[in-house]
Protein backbone atom coordinates (compact mmCIF):
# COMPACT_ATOMS: atom_id res chain seq x y z
CA MET A 1 0.00 0.00 0.00
CA PHE A 2 2.87 2.39 0.81
CA ASN A 3 4.32 2.01 -2.70
CA LYS A 4 0.90 2.71 -4.21
CA VAL A 5 0.63 5.93 -2.19
CA MET A 6 4.16 6.96 -3.16
CA SER A 7 3.41 6.37 -6.83
CA VAL A 8 0.66 9.02 -6.82
CA VAL A 9 2.28 11.58 -4.52
CA PRO A 10 2.70 14.95 -6.28
CA PHE A 11 6.46 15.41 -5.95
CA GLU A 12 6.53 18.44 -8.22
CA ALA A 13 3.77 20.58 -6.83
CA ASP A 14 3.42 23.91 -5.09
CA PRO A 15 5.61 24.72 -2.06
CA THR A 16 3.01 23.70 0.51
CA GLU A 17 2.50 20.33 -1.15
CA ASN A 18 6.27 19.80 -1.42
CA GLU A 19 6.61 20.48 2.30
CA THR A 20 3.78 18.04 3.05
CA VAL A 21 5.39 15.36 0.86
CA ILE A 22 8.74 15.69 2.61
CA LYS A 23 7.06 15.58 6.05
CA PHE A 24 5.24 12.42 4.96
CA CYS A 25 8.54 10.89 3.82
CA MET A 26 10.22 11.83 7.09
CA ASN A 27 7.44 10.15 9.07
CA ALA A 28 7.45 7.08 6.82
CA ASN A 29 11.18 6.74 7.29
CA ASN A 30 10.85 7.06 11.06
CA LEU A 31 8.23 4.30 11.15
CA ALA A 32 10.11 1.87 8.93
CA GLY A 33 13.56 2.65 7.57
CA GLY A 34 14.20 1.51 4.04
CA ARG A 35 10.67 2.11 2.76
CA LEU A 36 11.78 5.15 0.81
CA GLU A 37 14.56 3.44 -1.14
CA PRO A 38 12.53 2.78 -4.32
CA HIS A 39 11.42 6.43 -4.32
CA MET A 40 14.65 8.03 -3.14
CA GLU A 41 15.42 9.89 -6.37
CA ARG A 42 12.10 11.76 -6.35
CA VAL A 43 12.33 12.37 -2.59
CA THR A 44 15.84 13.76 -3.03
CA LEU A 45 14.84 16.12 -5.83
CA THR A 46 11.89 17.43 -3.83
CA ALA A 47 14.02 17.97 -0.71
CA LEU A 48 16.67 19.81 -2.70
CA LYS A 49 14.02 21.93 -4.41
CA ILE A 50 12.80 23.10 -1.00
CA LEU A 51 16.32 24.24 -0.18
CA VAL A 52 17.51 25.86 -3.39
CA ASP A 53 14.49 27.12 -5.34
CA SER A 54 14.55 30.90 -4.92
CA ARG A 55 10.81 31.08 -5.65
CA LEU A 56 10.16 29.19 -2.40
CA LYS A 57 12.20 31.54 -0.23
CA GLU A 58 9.15 33.09 1.43
CA ASP A 59 6.91 30.01 1.34
CA ILE A 60 9.04 27.60 3.39
CA ASP A 61 10.13 28.59 6.88
CA GLU A 62 13.76 28.33 7.97
CA GLY A 63 13.02 25.73 10.66
CA PHE A 64 11.63 23.34 8.09
CA LYS A 65 14.58 23.98 5.78
CA LEU A 66 16.92 23.00 8.63
CA LEU A 67 14.86 19.86 9.24
CA THR A 68 15.09 19.07 5.51
CA VAL A 69 18.89 19.43 5.61
CA LYS A 70 19.04 16.99 8.53
CA PHE A 71 16.79 14.58 6.60
CA ILE A 72 19.10 14.77 3.58
CA LYS A 73 22.16 14.21 5.76
CA ASN A 74 20.75 11.38 7.88
CA VAL A 75 18.55 9.54 5.39
CA ILE A 76 19.36 10.38 1.80
CA LEU A 77 23.15 10.52 2.11
CA THR A 78 23.23 7.29 4.09
CA ASP A 79 21.12 5.43 1.53
CA GLU A 80 23.31 2.79 -0.15
CA THR A 81 22.14 3.67 -3.67
CA HIS A 82 23.41 7.24 -3.31
CA LYS A 83 26.99 6.37 -2.33
């Protein structure tokens, strides 16, 4: 069921939806590590978009950006497929 949900998640949406998607991914990873591996490329691109897209500067708060950086460091960079 998780993979079905992830297949329809709007990874390239407006800033609020991007933030919601990354929060969902963070929670899914906390509940069961490894679930995100098949979707890691799209998760990574969405997380990076939150950090570097200048159009999102005012839409995403700094606290969430810091949380996203920690997620990238602790989850994405430790994923075996990204080494």
